Amino acid sequence: MTDDKNATNKRGGTGAASADVLGANTEIGRKLRQYYEGLVSEEVPDRFALLLQQLEEVESTRKPE
């Protein structure tokens, strides 16, 4: 049973061993996640939101082909 657990960790399963296998990629992934979360949490500028609203209105009044 121990051999199965070690094999899972070497293939990238959960646990401390999987983090060691990824090395620098773990840090890169963490930084990318922080950057993405920062972008997602930003508010949409008023001008852009207005343009999106106008686009939705035009599309809703347009007849399907």
N, C-alpha and C. Protein backbone atom coordinates (compact mmCIF):
# COMPACT_ATOMS: atom_id res chain seq x y z
N MET A 1 0.83 -1.20 0.00
CA MET A 1 0.00 0.00 0.00
C MET A 1 0.87 1.26 0.00
N THR A 2 1.99 1.24 0.67
CA THR A 2 2.89 2.37 0.71
C THR A 2 3.44 2.68 -0.67
N ASP A 3 3.73 1.64 -1.45
CA ASP A 3 4.26 1.84 -2.79
C ASP A 3 3.27 2.59 -3.67
N ASP A 4 1.97 2.29 -3.54
CA ASP A 4 0.96 2.99 -4.32
C ASP A 4 0.93 4.47 -3.97
N LYS A 5 1.03 4.80 -2.70
CA LYS A 5 0.99 6.19 -2.27
C LYS A 5 2.20 6.96 -2.80
N ASN A 6 3.38 6.36 -2.73
CA ASN A 6 4.58 7.01 -3.24
C ASN A 6 4.51 7.19 -4.75
N ALA A 7 3.96 6.25 -5.45
CA ALA A 7 3.83 6.35 -6.90
C ALA A 7 2.89 7.49 -7.27
N THR A 8 1.81 7.67 -6.50
CA THR A 8 0.88 8.76 -6.75
C THR A 8 1.57 10.11 -6.56
N ASN A 9 2.35 10.25 -5.51
CA ASN A 9 3.06 11.51 -5.26
C ASN A 9 4.06 11.82 -6.37
N LYS A 10 4.75 10.82 -6.88
CA LYS A 10 5.72 11.03 -7.94
C LYS A 10 5.05 11.46 -9.24
N ARG A 11 3.79 11.04 -9.45
CA ARG A 11 3.06 11.41 -10.66
C ARG A 11 2.38 12.76 -10.52
N GLY A 12 2.53 13.43 -9.41
CA GLY A 12 1.93 14.75 -9.25
C GLY A 12 0.66 14.73 -8.43
N GLY A 13 0.48 13.73 -7.59
CA GLY A 13 -0.69 13.67 -6.74
C GLY A 13 -0.58 14.67 -5.61
N THR A 14 -1.48 14.59 -4.66
CA THR A 14 -1.46 15.53 -3.55
C THR A 14 -0.35 15.17 -2.59
N GLY A 15 0.09 16.14 -1.83
CA GLY A 15 1.12 15.90 -0.82
C GLY A 15 2.33 16.76 -1.06
N ALA A 16 3.24 16.75 -0.10
CA ALA A 16 4.42 17.60 -0.17
C ALA A 16 5.34 17.17 -1.32
N ALA A 17 5.39 15.89 -1.61
CA ALA A 17 6.28 15.40 -2.66
C ALA A 17 5.90 15.98 -4.01
N SER A 18 4.62 16.18 -4.28
CA SER A 18 4.21 16.73 -5.58
C SER A 18 4.67 18.18 -5.73
N ALA A 19 4.71 18.95 -4.65
CA ALA A 19 5.18 20.34 -4.72
C ALA A 19 6.67 20.37 -5.03
N ASP A 20 7.42 19.43 -4.50
CA ASP A 20 8.85 19.38 -4.77
C ASP A 20 9.13 19.05 -6.23
N VAL A 21 8.31 18.22 -6.83
CA VAL A 21 8.48 17.83 -8.22
C VAL A 21 8.28 19.04 -9.13
N LEU A 22 7.36 19.93 -8.81
CA LEU A 22 7.07 21.07 -9.65
C LEU A 22 8.12 22.18 -9.53
N GLY A 23 8.79 22.27 -8.42
CA GLY A 23 9.86 23.25 -8.23
C GLY A 23 9.43 24.67 -8.51
N ALA A 24 10.12 25.32 -9.45
CA ALA A 24 9.85 26.73 -9.77
C ALA A 24 8.46 26.93 -10.35
N ASN A 25 7.91 25.92 -10.97
CA ASN A 25 6.57 26.04 -11.55
C ASN A 25 5.52 26.32 -10.49
N THR A 26 5.73 25.84 -9.28
CA THR A 26 4.81 26.11 -8.19
C THR A 26 4.76 27.61 -7.91
N GLU A 27 5.91 28.24 -7.87
CA GLU A 27 5.97 29.68 -7.60
C GLU A 27 5.38 30.47 -8.77
N ILE A 28 5.65 30.06 -9.99
CA ILE A 28 5.09 30.73 -11.16
C ILE A 28 3.57 30.64 -11.14
N GLY A 29 3.05 29.47 -10.84
CA GLY A 29 1.61 29.27 -10.76
C GLY A 29 0.97 30.14 -9.69
N ARG A 30 1.64 30.25 -8.56
CA ARG A 30 1.12 31.08 -7.46
C ARG A 30 1.07 32.55 -7.88
N LYS A 31 2.12 33.02 -8.52
CA LYS A 31 2.16 34.42 -8.97
C LYS A 31 1.09 34.69 -10.03
N LEU A 32 0.93 33.76 -10.96
CA LEU A 32 -0.10 33.93 -11.99
C LEU A 32 -1.49 33.97 -11.38
N ARG A 33 -1.74 33.14 -10.39
CA ARG A 33 -3.04 33.13 -9.72
C ARG A 33 -3.29 34.46 -9.02
N GLN A 34 -2.29 34.99 -8.34
CA GLN A 34 -2.43 36.29 -7.67
C GLN A 34 -2.73 37.38 -8.69
N TYR A 35 -2.03 37.37 -9.81
CA TYR A 35 -2.23 38.39 -10.84
C TYR A 35 -3.64 38.29 -11.41
N TYR A 36 -4.08 37.07 -11.72
CA TYR A 36 -5.42 36.86 -12.28
C TYR A 36 -6.49 37.29 -11.30
N GLU A 37 -6.36 36.93 -10.04
CA GLU A 37 -7.35 37.31 -9.04
C GLU A 37 -7.43 38.82 -8.90
N GLY A 38 -6.30 39.51 -9.05
CA GLY A 38 -6.30 40.97 -9.00
C GLY A 38 -7.06 41.56 -10.17
N LEU A 39 -6.90 40.98 -11.34
CA LEU A 39 -7.61 41.47 -12.53
C LEU A 39 -9.11 41.23 -12.42
N VAL A 40 -9.49 40.07 -11.95
CA VAL A 40 -10.90 39.70 -11.86
C VAL A 40 -11.63 40.57 -10.84
N SER A 41 -10.93 40.97 -9.79
CA SER A 41 -11.58 41.74 -8.73
C SER A 41 -11.74 43.22 -9.08
N GLU A 42 -11.10 43.69 -10.16
CA GLU A 42 -11.23 45.08 -10.55
C GLU A 42 -12.62 45.35 -11.12
N GLU A 43 -13.12 46.57 -10.87
CA GLU A 43 -14.42 46.95 -11.39
C GLU A 43 -14.31 47.29 -12.86
N VAL A 44 -15.41 47.09 -13.59
CA VAL A 44 -15.47 47.44 -15.00
C VAL A 44 -15.68 48.96 -15.08
N PRO A 45 -14.87 49.66 -15.90
CA PRO A 45 -15.06 51.11 -16.03
C PRO A 45 -16.46 51.44 -16.53
N ASP A 46 -16.99 52.58 -16.08
CA ASP A 46 -18.35 52.98 -16.44
C ASP A 46 -18.56 53.03 -17.94
N ARG A 47 -17.62 53.58 -18.66
CA ARG A 47 -17.75 53.71 -20.12
C ARG A 47 -17.86 52.33 -20.78
N PHE A 48 -17.07 51.39 -20.32
CA PHE A 48 -17.11 50.05 -20.88
C PHE A 48 -18.43 49.35 -20.54
N ALA A 49 -18.89 49.52 -19.32
CA ALA A 49 -20.16 48.93 -18.91
C ALA A 49 -21.30 49.50 -19.74
N LEU A 50 -21.26 50.80 -20.04
CA LEU A 50 -22.28 51.44 -20.86
C LEU A 50 -22.27 50.87 -22.28
N LEU A 51 -21.09 50.68 -22.83
CA LEU A 51 -20.98 50.10 -24.18
C LEU A 51 -21.52 48.67 -24.22
N LEU A 52 -21.24 47.91 -23.19
CA LEU A 52 -21.78 46.55 -23.13
C LEU A 52 -23.30 46.55 -23.04
N GLN A 53 -23.84 47.46 -22.26
CA GLN A 53 -25.29 47.58 -22.13
C GLN A 53 -25.92 47.94 -23.47
N GLN A 54 -25.32 48.89 -24.19
CA GLN A 54 -25.83 49.28 -25.50
C GLN A 54 -25.78 48.11 -26.48
N LEU A 55 -24.73 47.34 -26.44
CA LEU A 55 -24.60 46.17 -27.31
C LEU A 55 -25.69 45.15 -27.01
N GLU A 56 -25.95 44.89 -25.74
CA GLU A 56 -26.99 43.95 -25.36
C GLU A 56 -28.36 44.42 -25.83
N GLU A 57 -28.63 45.72 -25.73
CA GLU A 57 -29.91 46.26 -26.19
C GLU A 57 -30.08 46.08 -27.70
N VAL A 58 -29.03 46.36 -28.46
CA VAL A 58 -29.09 46.21 -29.92
C VAL A 58 -29.31 44.74 -30.28
N GLU A 59 -28.61 43.85 -29.62
CA GLU A 59 -28.75 42.42 -29.92
C GLU A 59 -30.13 41.90 -29.55
N SER A 60 -30.73 42.41 -28.48
CA SER A 60 -32.05 41.92 -28.07
C SER A 60 -33.15 42.41 -29.00
N THR A 61 -32.97 43.56 -29.66
CA THR A 61 -33.99 44.08 -30.59
C THR A 61 -33.78 43.55 -32.00
N ARG A 62 -32.66 42.97 -32.26
CA ARG A 62 -32.33 42.45 -33.60
C ARG A 62 -33.12 41.18 -33.87
N LYS A 63 -33.64 41.05 -35.10
CA LYS A 63 -34.40 39.85 -35.48
C LYS A 63 -33.45 38.72 -35.80
N PRO A 64 -33.78 37.50 -35.36
CA PRO A 64 -32.93 36.34 -35.71
C PRO A 64 -33.05 36.04 -37.19
N GLU A 65 -31.97 35.62 -37.80
CA GLU A 65 -31.97 35.33 -39.23
C GLU A 65 -32.40 33.93 -39.51
